[in-house]
Amino acid sequence: MPMGPALRAGDVALCSLFDGPKPHVGGPITPAATVPTVLIGGMPAAVANNIPGGVACVSPAPNGIAMGSVTVMIGNFPAARLGDLTMHGQPIAPGPGCPTVIIGG
């Protein structure tokens, strides 16, 4: 069963994809992919809500958190963890996520 540190607003998701010669780069998890009323390590908890713009990226294709835990829900959405997939199909890294909150499932 996959598990990893809980993600929060501001944790980073790099994107190794390219649009022709232009790299996507990736960036931080934005408030669009969080539940602001749930704090993890003092920051809003990130969730897999498939909202475009949930992960900053310079690509014209919208990016967000696509997959999360199947057993842990935050605000009725799957909790997002380090290594879960973005809408661009890339694992979320380097994070770092909250090292004291590990989410399974």
N, C-alpha and C. Protein backbone atom coordinates (compact mmCIF):
# COMPACT_ATOMS: atom_id res chain seq x y z
N MET A 1 0.84 -1.18 0.00
CA MET A 1 0.00 0.00 0.00
C MET A 1 0.89 1.24 0.00
N PRO A 2 0.73 2.15 -0.97
CA PRO A 2 1.59 3.34 -1.01
C PRO A 2 1.36 4.25 0.18
N MET A 3 2.42 4.87 0.62
CA MET A 3 2.31 5.87 1.67
C MET A 3 3.41 6.89 1.50
N GLY A 4 3.18 8.07 2.05
CA GLY A 4 4.19 9.11 1.93
C GLY A 4 3.82 10.32 2.76
N PRO A 5 4.75 11.26 2.88
CA PRO A 5 4.48 12.48 3.63
C PRO A 5 3.30 13.26 3.02
N ALA A 6 2.47 13.82 3.89
CA ALA A 6 1.33 14.64 3.46
C ALA A 6 1.83 15.89 2.76
N LEU A 7 1.17 16.24 1.66
CA LEU A 7 1.52 17.46 0.93
C LEU A 7 0.68 18.63 1.40
N ARG A 8 1.24 19.84 1.23
CA ARG A 8 0.57 21.06 1.67
C ARG A 8 0.76 22.15 0.63
N ALA A 9 0.03 23.23 0.78
CA ALA A 9 0.23 24.40 -0.08
C ALA A 9 1.69 24.81 0.01
N GLY A 10 2.30 25.09 -1.13
CA GLY A 10 3.69 25.53 -1.17
C GLY A 10 4.69 24.42 -1.40
N ASP A 11 4.32 23.15 -1.14
CA ASP A 11 5.23 22.06 -1.48
C ASP A 11 5.40 22.04 -3.00
N VAL A 12 6.55 21.57 -3.48
CA VAL A 12 6.90 21.71 -4.89
C VAL A 12 6.68 20.41 -5.66
N ALA A 13 6.13 20.55 -6.87
CA ALA A 13 5.97 19.45 -7.81
C ALA A 13 6.68 19.83 -9.10
N LEU A 14 7.87 19.28 -9.31
CA LEU A 14 8.60 19.56 -10.55
C LEU A 14 7.96 18.80 -11.70
N CYS A 15 8.08 19.32 -12.90
CA CYS A 15 7.52 18.68 -14.09
C CYS A 15 8.63 18.55 -15.13
N SER A 16 8.91 17.31 -15.53
CA SER A 16 10.01 17.08 -16.47
C SER A 16 9.54 17.04 -17.93
N LEU A 17 8.29 17.35 -18.19
CA LEU A 17 7.78 17.34 -19.56
C LEU A 17 8.22 18.58 -20.33
N PHE A 18 8.09 18.51 -21.66
CA PHE A 18 8.45 19.62 -22.55
C PHE A 18 7.33 19.89 -23.52
N ASP A 19 7.13 21.14 -23.91
CA ASP A 19 6.31 21.53 -25.05
C ASP A 19 7.30 21.94 -26.12
N GLY A 20 7.63 21.01 -27.01
CA GLY A 20 8.71 21.26 -27.97
C GLY A 20 10.00 21.45 -27.20
N PRO A 21 10.73 22.55 -27.43
CA PRO A 21 11.98 22.77 -26.71
C PRO A 21 11.79 23.42 -25.33
N LYS A 22 10.56 23.82 -25.01
CA LYS A 22 10.31 24.56 -23.77
C LYS A 22 9.94 23.60 -22.63
N PRO A 23 10.72 23.60 -21.53
CA PRO A 23 10.39 22.73 -20.39
C PRO A 23 9.18 23.26 -19.62
N HIS A 24 8.43 22.33 -19.03
CA HIS A 24 7.29 22.72 -18.20
C HIS A 24 7.74 23.33 -16.87
N VAL A 25 8.75 22.80 -16.26
CA VAL A 25 9.36 23.23 -14.99
C VAL A 25 8.55 22.79 -13.78
N GLY A 26 7.28 23.11 -13.69
CA GLY A 26 6.49 22.82 -12.50
C GLY A 26 6.61 23.94 -11.49
N GLY A 27 6.13 23.67 -10.29
CA GLY A 27 6.19 24.70 -9.25
C GLY A 27 5.43 24.27 -8.02
N PRO A 28 5.05 25.25 -7.19
CA PRO A 28 4.41 24.91 -5.92
C PRO A 28 2.95 24.48 -6.07
N ILE A 29 2.49 23.74 -5.08
CA ILE A 29 1.07 23.43 -4.97
C ILE A 29 0.37 24.72 -4.55
N THR A 30 -0.68 25.08 -5.28
CA THR A 30 -1.38 26.34 -5.03
C THR A 30 -2.60 26.12 -4.13
N PRO A 31 -3.19 27.19 -3.61
CA PRO A 31 -4.39 27.05 -2.78
C PRO A 31 -5.55 26.34 -3.48
N ALA A 32 -5.58 26.32 -4.83
CA ALA A 32 -6.66 25.64 -5.56
C ALA A 32 -6.70 24.15 -5.27
N ALA A 33 -5.57 23.55 -4.88
CA ALA A 33 -5.51 22.11 -4.61
C ALA A 33 -5.43 21.83 -3.11
N THR A 34 -5.99 22.72 -2.29
CA THR A 34 -5.93 22.52 -0.85
C THR A 34 -7.31 22.65 -0.21
N VAL A 35 -7.38 22.18 1.02
CA VAL A 35 -8.54 22.41 1.88
C VAL A 35 -8.04 23.37 2.96
N PRO A 36 -8.37 24.66 2.85
CA PRO A 36 -7.78 25.66 3.73
C PRO A 36 -8.15 25.53 5.20
N THR A 37 -9.20 24.78 5.50
CA THR A 37 -9.61 24.62 6.90
C THR A 37 -8.90 23.47 7.59
N VAL A 38 -8.11 22.69 6.84
CA VAL A 38 -7.34 21.59 7.43
C VAL A 38 -5.86 21.93 7.29
N LEU A 39 -5.18 22.06 8.43
CA LEU A 39 -3.76 22.41 8.41
C LEU A 39 -2.91 21.20 8.73
N ILE A 40 -1.83 21.04 7.98
CA ILE A 40 -0.83 20.00 8.23
C ILE A 40 0.50 20.72 8.37
N GLY A 41 1.11 20.63 9.52
CA GLY A 41 2.36 21.35 9.76
C GLY A 41 2.16 22.85 9.60
N GLY A 42 0.97 23.35 9.93
CA GLY A 42 0.69 24.78 9.85
C GLY A 42 0.34 25.31 8.47
N MET A 43 0.24 24.43 7.48
CA MET A 43 -0.09 24.84 6.10
C MET A 43 -1.35 24.10 5.64
N PRO A 44 -2.14 24.69 4.72
CA PRO A 44 -3.34 24.01 4.21
C PRO A 44 -3.00 22.67 3.56
N ALA A 45 -3.82 21.66 3.87
CA ALA A 45 -3.62 20.30 3.36
C ALA A 45 -3.91 20.23 1.86
N ALA A 46 -3.03 19.57 1.11
CA ALA A 46 -3.23 19.37 -0.33
C ALA A 46 -4.07 18.13 -0.56
N VAL A 47 -4.93 18.21 -1.59
CA VAL A 47 -5.80 17.09 -1.94
C VAL A 47 -5.79 16.86 -3.45
N ALA A 48 -6.16 15.64 -3.82
CA ALA A 48 -6.25 15.28 -5.24
C ALA A 48 -7.65 15.62 -5.73
N ASN A 49 -7.83 16.87 -6.18
CA ASN A 49 -9.16 17.31 -6.61
C ASN A 49 -9.25 17.57 -8.12
N ASN A 50 -8.16 17.30 -8.85
CA ASN A 50 -8.13 17.48 -10.31
C ASN A 50 -8.51 18.88 -10.76
N ILE A 51 -8.25 19.88 -9.93
CA ILE A 51 -8.56 21.26 -10.30
C ILE A 51 -7.39 21.82 -11.10
N PRO A 52 -7.62 22.24 -12.34
CA PRO A 52 -6.54 22.87 -13.10
C PRO A 52 -6.01 24.09 -12.35
N GLY A 53 -4.70 24.21 -12.32
CA GLY A 53 -4.07 25.30 -11.59
C GLY A 53 -3.69 24.91 -10.17
N GLY A 54 -3.98 23.68 -9.78
CA GLY A 54 -3.63 23.22 -8.44
C GLY A 54 -2.14 23.05 -8.24
N VAL A 55 -1.42 22.87 -9.34
CA VAL A 55 0.05 22.83 -9.31
C VAL A 55 0.54 23.83 -10.36
N ALA A 56 1.35 24.77 -9.93
CA ALA A 56 1.87 25.77 -10.86
C ALA A 56 2.76 25.10 -11.91
N CYS A 57 2.60 25.50 -13.17
CA CYS A 57 3.43 24.97 -14.25
C CYS A 57 3.36 25.97 -15.40
N VAL A 58 4.47 26.19 -16.09
CA VAL A 58 4.49 27.16 -17.19
C VAL A 58 3.86 26.61 -18.47
N SER A 59 3.53 25.34 -18.50
CA SER A 59 2.90 24.74 -19.68
C SER A 59 1.52 25.35 -19.89
N PRO A 60 1.08 25.43 -21.16
CA PRO A 60 -0.30 25.87 -21.39
C PRO A 60 -1.33 24.83 -20.96
N ALA A 61 -0.90 23.57 -20.80
CA ALA A 61 -1.82 22.53 -20.33
C ALA A 61 -1.98 22.68 -18.81
N PRO A 62 -3.22 22.75 -18.32
CA PRO A 62 -3.42 22.93 -16.88
C PRO A 62 -2.87 21.75 -16.10
N ASN A 63 -2.40 22.03 -14.90
CA ASN A 63 -1.83 21.00 -14.05
C ASN A 63 -2.49 21.06 -12.68
N GLY A 64 -2.60 19.93 -12.04
CA GLY A 64 -3.18 19.82 -10.70
C GLY A 64 -2.80 18.47 -10.13
N ILE A 65 -3.35 18.13 -8.99
CA ILE A 65 -3.07 16.84 -8.37
C ILE A 65 -4.15 15.86 -8.81
N ALA A 66 -3.75 14.81 -9.52
CA ALA A 66 -4.70 13.88 -10.13
C ALA A 66 -5.04 12.70 -9.24
N MET A 67 -4.07 12.19 -8.49
CA MET A 67 -4.29 10.97 -7.71
C MET A 67 -3.78 11.16 -6.30
N GLY A 68 -4.50 10.58 -5.35
CA GLY A 68 -4.09 10.64 -3.95
C GLY A 68 -4.46 9.34 -3.26
N SER A 69 -4.54 9.39 -1.95
CA SER A 69 -4.87 8.22 -1.14
C SER A 69 -6.28 7.74 -1.45
N VAL A 70 -6.47 6.42 -1.48
CA VAL A 70 -7.82 5.88 -1.66
C VAL A 70 -8.51 5.64 -0.33
N THR A 71 -7.78 5.76 0.78
CA THR A 71 -8.37 5.50 2.09
C THR A 71 -8.41 6.70 3.02
N VAL A 72 -7.65 7.76 2.72
CA VAL A 72 -7.62 8.94 3.59
C VAL A 72 -8.21 10.12 2.83
N MET A 73 -9.30 10.67 3.37
CA MET A 73 -9.99 11.78 2.73
C MET A 73 -9.83 13.05 3.58
N ILE A 74 -9.67 14.17 2.89
CA ILE A 74 -9.63 15.48 3.54
C ILE A 74 -10.63 16.36 2.79
N GLY A 75 -11.66 16.82 3.48
CA GLY A 75 -12.68 17.63 2.81
C GLY A 75 -13.37 16.88 1.67
N ASN A 76 -13.55 15.59 1.82
CA ASN A 76 -14.17 14.71 0.82
C ASN A 76 -13.33 14.51 -0.45
N PHE A 77 -12.05 14.81 -0.38
CA PHE A 77 -11.12 14.56 -1.48
C PHE A 77 -10.00 13.66 -0.98
N PRO A 78 -9.39 12.85 -1.87
CA PRO A 78 -8.24 12.04 -1.46
C PRO A 78 -7.08 12.92 -0.98
N ALA A 79 -6.50 12.55 0.15
CA ALA A 79 -5.32 13.26 0.66
C ALA A 79 -4.16 13.09 -0.31
N ALA A 80 -3.41 14.15 -0.53
CA ALA A 80 -2.27 14.10 -1.46
C ALA A 80 -0.98 13.82 -0.70
N ARG A 81 -0.14 12.98 -1.30
CA ARG A 81 1.12 12.57 -0.69
C ARG A 81 2.28 12.77 -1.65
N LEU A 82 3.46 12.89 -1.10
CA LEU A 82 4.67 12.94 -1.91
C LEU A 82 4.69 11.71 -2.80
N GLY A 83 4.89 11.89 -4.10
CA GLY A 83 4.93 10.77 -5.05
C GLY A 83 3.62 10.52 -5.77
N ASP A 84 2.50 11.11 -5.31
CA ASP A 84 1.24 10.98 -6.05
C ASP A 84 1.38 11.69 -7.39
N LEU A 85 0.48 11.39 -8.33
CA LEU A 85 0.61 11.91 -9.69
C LEU A 85 -0.11 13.23 -9.91
N THR A 86 0.52 14.06 -10.75
CA THR A 86 -0.12 15.30 -11.19
C THR A 86 -0.96 15.00 -12.43
N MET A 87 -1.72 16.00 -12.89
CA MET A 87 -2.50 15.86 -14.11
C MET A 87 -1.61 15.70 -15.33
N HIS A 88 -0.32 16.05 -15.22
CA HIS A 88 0.64 15.84 -16.31
C HIS A 88 1.26 14.45 -16.24
N GLY A 89 0.83 13.62 -15.27
CA GLY A 89 1.33 12.26 -15.15
C GLY A 89 2.68 12.14 -14.45
N GLN A 90 3.13 13.20 -13.82
CA GLN A 90 4.43 13.21 -13.15
C GLN A 90 4.25 12.99 -11.65
N PRO A 91 5.12 12.21 -11.01
CA PRO A 91 5.04 12.08 -9.55
C PRO A 91 5.43 13.40 -8.88
N ILE A 92 4.73 13.73 -7.81
CA ILE A 92 5.01 14.97 -7.10
C ILE A 92 6.28 14.81 -6.28
N ALA A 93 7.28 15.61 -6.61
CA ALA A 93 8.57 15.62 -5.92
C ALA A 93 9.24 16.94 -6.28
N PRO A 94 10.09 17.50 -5.50
CA PRO A 94 10.68 16.99 -4.26
C PRO A 94 9.86 17.28 -3.02
N GLY A 95 8.74 17.94 -3.13
CA GLY A 95 7.90 18.21 -1.97
C GLY A 95 8.38 19.37 -1.14
N PRO A 96 8.81 19.16 0.08
CA PRO A 96 9.13 17.88 0.73
C PRO A 96 7.95 17.19 1.39
N GLY A 97 6.81 17.86 1.54
CA GLY A 97 5.73 17.29 2.33
C GLY A 97 6.03 17.49 3.80
N CYS A 98 5.11 17.05 4.64
CA CYS A 98 5.29 17.18 6.09
C CYS A 98 5.87 15.87 6.62
N PRO A 99 7.12 15.88 7.07
CA PRO A 99 7.77 14.62 7.47
C PRO A 99 7.15 13.96 8.69
N THR A 100 6.35 14.69 9.46
CA THR A 100 5.75 14.10 10.66
C THR A 100 4.33 13.60 10.42
N VAL A 101 3.80 13.78 9.20
CA VAL A 101 2.45 13.29 8.87
C VAL A 101 2.57 12.39 7.65
N ILE A 102 2.45 11.07 7.87
CA ILE A 102 2.56 10.08 6.80
C ILE A 102 1.16 9.56 6.50
N ILE A 103 0.78 9.60 5.22
CA ILE A 103 -0.55 9.17 4.80
C ILE A 103 -0.43 7.89 4.00
N GLY A 104 -1.21 6.89 4.37
CA GLY A 104 -1.21 5.61 3.67
C GLY A 104 -2.33 5.53 2.67
N GLY A 105 -2.48 4.31 2.11
CA GLY A 105 -3.59 4.01 1.22
C GLY A 105 -3.56 4.70 -0.06
